[in-house]
C-alpha cells in the first residue's frame, strides 16, 4: 500500500518542489540574470526520480515468489521513500 501511495505522489512531489523552488528570489535571479544558479546537475535529480519510480514499481508489481528474501518489498518501499525525498530536496535547492 505504501508503495502505491509513493508512486501516486511521485509526480505531484516533483511539481510542487519545482514550483516552490521557482518562487524564491534566488530562482528569479538565476532565470533573469544567470546569477546564483545551482551547480546540481539535472541528471542527478532525474536519476533520483527514476530510482524512486523503479523501486515503487518493483514493490508494487513483483510477486512474492520472485523476491530474494522476505523483507525485500519493505526495503524497496523504504528506499523508494528515501529516493523520493532526495529528489524533492535536490529540486528545492536548485532553481
N, C-alpha and C. Protein backbone atom coordinates (compact mmCIF):
# COMPACT_ATOMS: atom_id res chain seq x y z
N UNK A 1 0.82 -1.20 0.00
CA UNK A 1 0.00 0.00 0.00
C UNK A 1 0.86 1.26 0.00
N UNK A 2 1.94 1.27 0.79
CA UNK A 2 2.81 2.44 0.86
C UNK A 2 3.51 2.69 -0.46
N UNK A 3 3.84 1.63 -1.18
CA UNK A 3 4.49 1.78 -2.48
C UNK A 3 3.55 2.43 -3.49
N UNK A 4 2.27 2.07 -3.44
CA UNK A 4 1.28 2.68 -4.33
C UNK A 4 1.11 4.15 -4.02
N UNK A 5 1.09 4.49 -2.74
CA UNK A 5 0.97 5.90 -2.34
C UNK A 5 2.20 6.68 -2.80
N UNK A 6 3.38 6.08 -2.62
CA UNK A 6 4.61 6.73 -3.06
C UNK A 6 4.63 6.96 -4.56
N UNK A 7 4.18 5.97 -5.32
CA UNK A 7 4.13 6.13 -6.77
C UNK A 7 3.12 7.19 -7.18
N UNK A 8 1.99 7.22 -6.48
CA UNK A 8 0.96 8.21 -6.80
C UNK A 8 1.43 9.63 -6.47
N UNK A 9 2.28 9.77 -5.48
CA UNK A 9 2.74 11.10 -5.07
C UNK A 9 4.06 11.51 -5.72
N UNK A 10 4.63 10.67 -6.56
CA UNK A 10 5.93 10.98 -7.15
C UNK A 10 5.88 12.22 -8.04
N UNK A 11 5.00 12.26 -9.00
CA UNK A 11 4.91 13.40 -9.90
C UNK A 11 4.41 14.65 -9.17
N UNK A 12 3.38 14.56 -8.32
CA UNK A 12 2.99 15.77 -7.59
C UNK A 12 4.10 16.32 -6.69
N UNK A 13 4.91 15.44 -6.11
CA UNK A 13 6.04 15.89 -5.29
C UNK A 13 7.02 16.68 -6.15
N UNK A 14 7.31 16.17 -7.33
CA UNK A 14 8.23 16.86 -8.23
C UNK A 14 7.67 18.21 -8.66
N UNK A 15 6.40 18.26 -9.00
CA UNK A 15 5.79 19.50 -9.47
C UNK A 15 5.77 20.55 -8.36
N UNK A 16 5.35 20.16 -7.18
CA UNK A 16 5.30 21.10 -6.05
C UNK A 16 6.70 21.59 -5.69
N UNK A 17 7.68 20.70 -5.73
CA UNK A 17 9.05 21.10 -5.42
C UNK A 17 9.58 22.11 -6.43
N UNK A 18 9.29 21.89 -7.70
CA UNK A 18 9.74 22.83 -8.73
C UNK A 18 9.05 24.17 -8.56
N UNK A 19 7.76 24.17 -8.32
CA UNK A 19 7.02 25.43 -8.14
C UNK A 19 7.55 26.19 -6.92
N UNK A 20 7.76 25.50 -5.82
CA UNK A 20 8.30 26.16 -4.63
C UNK A 20 9.70 26.69 -4.87
N UNK A 21 10.49 25.95 -5.61
CA UNK A 21 11.84 26.39 -5.92
C UNK A 21 11.83 27.64 -6.80
N UNK A 22 10.93 27.69 -7.75
CA UNK A 22 10.86 28.83 -8.66
C UNK A 22 10.28 30.08 -8.02
N UNK A 23 9.72 29.96 -6.84
CA UNK A 23 9.13 31.11 -6.15
C UNK A 23 10.17 31.89 -5.33
N UNK A 24 11.40 31.46 -5.32
CA UNK A 24 12.42 32.11 -4.50
C UNK A 24 13.09 33.25 -5.27
N UNK A 25 13.70 34.14 -4.53
CA UNK A 25 14.44 35.24 -5.13
C UNK A 25 15.66 34.72 -5.88
N UNK A 26 16.26 33.69 -5.35
CA UNK A 26 17.44 33.09 -5.99
C UNK A 26 17.07 32.55 -7.38
N UNK A 27 15.91 31.92 -7.50
CA UNK A 27 15.48 31.39 -8.79
C UNK A 27 15.22 32.52 -9.77
N UNK A 28 14.60 33.59 -9.31
CA UNK A 28 14.36 34.73 -10.18
C UNK A 28 15.68 35.33 -10.67
N UNK A 29 16.65 35.43 -9.78
CA UNK A 29 17.96 35.95 -10.16
C UNK A 29 18.64 35.03 -11.17
N UNK A 30 18.47 33.74 -10.99
CA UNK A 30 19.08 32.76 -11.91
C UNK A 30 18.41 32.83 -13.28
N UNK A 31 17.09 32.89 -13.31
CA UNK A 31 16.37 32.89 -14.57
C UNK A 31 16.58 34.21 -15.33
N UNK A 32 16.55 35.33 -14.59
CA UNK A 32 16.63 36.64 -15.24
C UNK A 32 18.06 37.02 -15.65
N UNK A 33 19.01 36.77 -14.75
CA UNK A 33 20.37 37.27 -14.98
C UNK A 33 21.43 36.18 -15.05
N UNK A 34 21.10 34.96 -14.74
CA UNK A 34 22.08 33.88 -14.75
C UNK A 34 23.01 33.88 -13.56
N UNK A 35 22.66 34.59 -12.51
CA UNK A 35 23.47 34.66 -11.28
C UNK A 35 22.91 33.70 -10.24
N UNK A 36 23.79 33.20 -9.39
CA UNK A 36 23.43 32.36 -8.26
C UNK A 36 22.67 31.09 -8.66
N UNK A 37 22.95 30.58 -9.83
CA UNK A 37 22.31 29.34 -10.27
C UNK A 37 22.94 28.15 -9.55
N UNK A 38 22.18 27.10 -9.42
CA UNK A 38 22.64 25.91 -8.72
C UNK A 38 23.66 25.13 -9.55
N UNK A 39 24.53 24.44 -8.85
CA UNK A 39 25.50 23.60 -9.55
C UNK A 39 25.10 22.13 -9.53
N UNK A 40 23.89 21.83 -9.08
CA UNK A 40 23.41 20.45 -9.05
C UNK A 40 23.02 20.04 -10.47
N UNK A 41 23.62 18.99 -11.00
CA UNK A 41 23.30 18.58 -12.38
C UNK A 41 21.89 17.99 -12.48
N UNK A 42 21.23 18.30 -13.59
CA UNK A 42 19.89 17.79 -13.84
C UNK A 42 19.80 16.27 -13.85
N UNK A 43 20.79 15.57 -14.44
CA UNK A 43 20.70 14.11 -14.44
C UNK A 43 20.67 13.50 -13.04
N UNK A 44 21.26 14.17 -12.06
CA UNK A 44 21.22 13.64 -10.69
C UNK A 44 19.78 13.68 -10.15
N UNK A 45 19.09 14.76 -10.43
CA UNK A 45 17.70 14.89 -9.99
C UNK A 45 16.82 13.89 -10.73
N UNK A 46 17.01 13.79 -12.04
CA UNK A 46 16.23 12.84 -12.83
C UNK A 46 16.54 11.41 -12.41
N UNK A 47 17.78 11.14 -12.05
CA UNK A 47 18.16 9.80 -11.57
C UNK A 47 17.43 9.44 -10.29
N UNK A 48 17.32 10.39 -9.36
CA UNK A 48 16.58 10.14 -8.12
C UNK A 48 15.11 9.87 -8.42
N UNK A 49 14.56 10.59 -9.40
CA UNK A 49 13.18 10.36 -9.81
C UNK A 49 13.02 8.95 -10.37
N UNK A 50 13.94 8.54 -11.25
CA UNK A 50 13.85 7.21 -11.86
C UNK A 50 14.05 6.10 -10.84
N UNK A 51 14.98 6.29 -9.90
CA UNK A 51 15.21 5.28 -8.86
C UNK A 51 13.96 5.11 -8.01
N UNK A 52 13.35 6.23 -7.64
CA UNK A 52 12.12 6.15 -6.84
C UNK A 52 11.01 5.45 -7.61
N UNK A 53 10.87 5.78 -8.88
CA UNK A 53 9.83 5.14 -9.70
C UNK A 53 10.11 3.64 -9.86
N UNK A 54 11.35 3.28 -10.13
CA UNK A 54 11.70 1.87 -10.34
C UNK A 54 11.48 1.05 -9.07
N UNK A 55 11.88 1.60 -7.92
CA UNK A 55 11.68 0.87 -6.67
C UNK A 55 10.19 0.74 -6.34
N UNK A 56 9.42 1.77 -6.64
CA UNK A 56 7.97 1.69 -6.43
C UNK A 56 7.32 0.65 -7.30
N UNK A 57 7.70 0.61 -8.56
CA UNK A 57 7.15 -0.40 -9.48
C UNK A 57 7.56 -1.80 -9.03
N UNK A 58 8.80 -1.95 -8.60
CA UNK A 58 9.26 -3.25 -8.08
C UNK A 58 8.43 -3.67 -6.87
N UNK A 59 8.23 -2.74 -5.92
CA UNK A 59 7.50 -3.08 -4.69
C UNK A 59 6.03 -3.40 -4.98
N UNK A 60 5.45 -2.74 -5.95
CA UNK A 60 4.03 -2.98 -6.27
C UNK A 60 3.85 -4.23 -7.11
N UNK A 61 4.71 -4.43 -8.09
CA UNK A 61 4.45 -5.46 -9.08
C UNK A 61 5.18 -6.77 -8.96
N UNK A 62 6.15 -6.88 -8.10
CA UNK A 62 6.93 -8.11 -8.03
C UNK A 62 6.21 -9.17 -7.18
N UNK A 63 5.97 -10.34 -7.74
CA UNK A 63 5.33 -11.40 -6.95
C UNK A 63 6.24 -11.90 -5.82
N UNK A 64 5.63 -12.39 -4.76
CA UNK A 64 6.39 -12.87 -3.60
C UNK A 64 7.37 -13.99 -3.95
N UNK A 65 7.00 -14.80 -4.90
CA UNK A 65 7.86 -15.93 -5.26
C UNK A 65 9.18 -15.47 -5.87
N UNK A 66 9.22 -14.30 -6.47
CA UNK A 66 10.41 -13.80 -7.14
C UNK A 66 11.35 -13.04 -6.20
N UNK A 67 10.87 -12.73 -5.00
CA UNK A 67 11.67 -11.92 -4.08
C UNK A 67 12.83 -12.73 -3.52
N UNK A 68 14.02 -12.13 -3.43
CA UNK A 68 15.19 -12.87 -2.94
C UNK A 68 15.13 -13.16 -1.44
N UNK A 69 14.43 -12.32 -0.67
CA UNK A 69 14.27 -12.55 0.77
C UNK A 69 12.95 -11.93 1.22
N UNK A 70 12.49 -12.32 2.39
CA UNK A 70 11.13 -11.98 2.83
C UNK A 70 10.90 -10.47 2.97
N UNK A 71 11.91 -9.72 3.39
CA UNK A 71 11.69 -8.29 3.62
C UNK A 71 12.13 -7.42 2.44
N UNK A 72 12.29 -8.01 1.26
CA UNK A 72 12.75 -7.25 0.09
C UNK A 72 11.75 -6.16 -0.28
N UNK A 73 10.47 -6.45 -0.19
CA UNK A 73 9.46 -5.45 -0.56
C UNK A 73 9.49 -4.27 0.40
N UNK A 74 9.63 -4.53 1.70
CA UNK A 74 9.65 -3.42 2.65
C UNK A 74 10.91 -2.57 2.47
N UNK A 75 12.03 -3.20 2.14
CA UNK A 75 13.25 -2.45 1.86
C UNK A 75 13.09 -1.61 0.61
N UNK A 76 12.43 -2.15 -0.40
CA UNK A 76 12.20 -1.39 -1.63
C UNK A 76 11.34 -0.16 -1.36
N UNK A 77 10.32 -0.31 -0.51
CA UNK A 77 9.45 0.82 -0.18
C UNK A 77 10.23 1.88 0.60
N UNK A 78 11.06 1.46 1.53
CA UNK A 78 11.87 2.41 2.30
C UNK A 78 12.84 3.15 1.41
N UNK A 79 13.51 2.43 0.53
CA UNK A 79 14.45 3.08 -0.39
C UNK A 79 13.72 3.98 -1.39
N UNK A 80 12.51 3.61 -1.76
CA UNK A 80 11.70 4.46 -2.63
C UNK A 80 11.43 5.79 -1.94
N UNK A 81 11.07 5.75 -0.68
CA UNK A 81 10.82 6.98 0.07
C UNK A 81 12.06 7.85 0.21
N UNK A 82 13.20 7.20 0.43
CA UNK A 82 14.46 7.95 0.54
C UNK A 82 14.80 8.61 -0.79
N UNK A 83 14.65 7.88 -1.89
CA UNK A 83 14.94 8.44 -3.21
C UNK A 83 13.98 9.57 -3.55
N UNK A 84 12.73 9.44 -3.17
CA UNK A 84 11.75 10.49 -3.44
C UNK A 84 12.04 11.74 -2.61
N UNK A 85 12.43 11.55 -1.36
CA UNK A 85 12.79 12.69 -0.52
C UNK A 85 14.06 13.37 -1.04
N UNK A 86 15.01 12.58 -1.49
CA UNK A 86 16.24 13.15 -2.07
C UNK A 86 15.93 13.95 -3.31
N UNK A 87 15.04 13.44 -4.17
CA UNK A 87 14.65 14.17 -5.36
C UNK A 87 14.00 15.50 -4.99
N UNK A 88 13.11 15.48 -4.02
CA UNK A 88 12.43 16.71 -3.61
C UNK A 88 13.42 17.72 -3.05
N UNK A 89 14.36 17.25 -2.23
CA UNK A 89 15.34 18.18 -1.65
C UNK A 89 16.25 18.75 -2.74
N UNK A 90 16.66 17.92 -3.69
CA UNK A 90 17.50 18.41 -4.77
C UNK A 90 16.76 19.45 -5.62
N UNK A 91 15.48 19.21 -5.85
CA UNK A 91 14.69 20.18 -6.61
C UNK A 91 14.50 21.48 -5.84
N UNK A 92 14.35 21.39 -4.54
CA UNK A 92 14.13 22.60 -3.74
C UNK A 92 15.37 23.48 -3.65
N UNK A 93 16.55 22.89 -3.71
CA UNK A 93 17.77 23.70 -3.58
C UNK A 93 18.31 24.14 -4.93
N UNK A 94 17.73 23.69 -6.02
CA UNK A 94 18.22 24.10 -7.33
C UNK A 94 17.14 24.86 -8.08
N UNK A 95 17.37 26.14 -8.32
CA UNK A 95 16.35 26.90 -9.07
C UNK A 95 16.33 26.55 -10.53
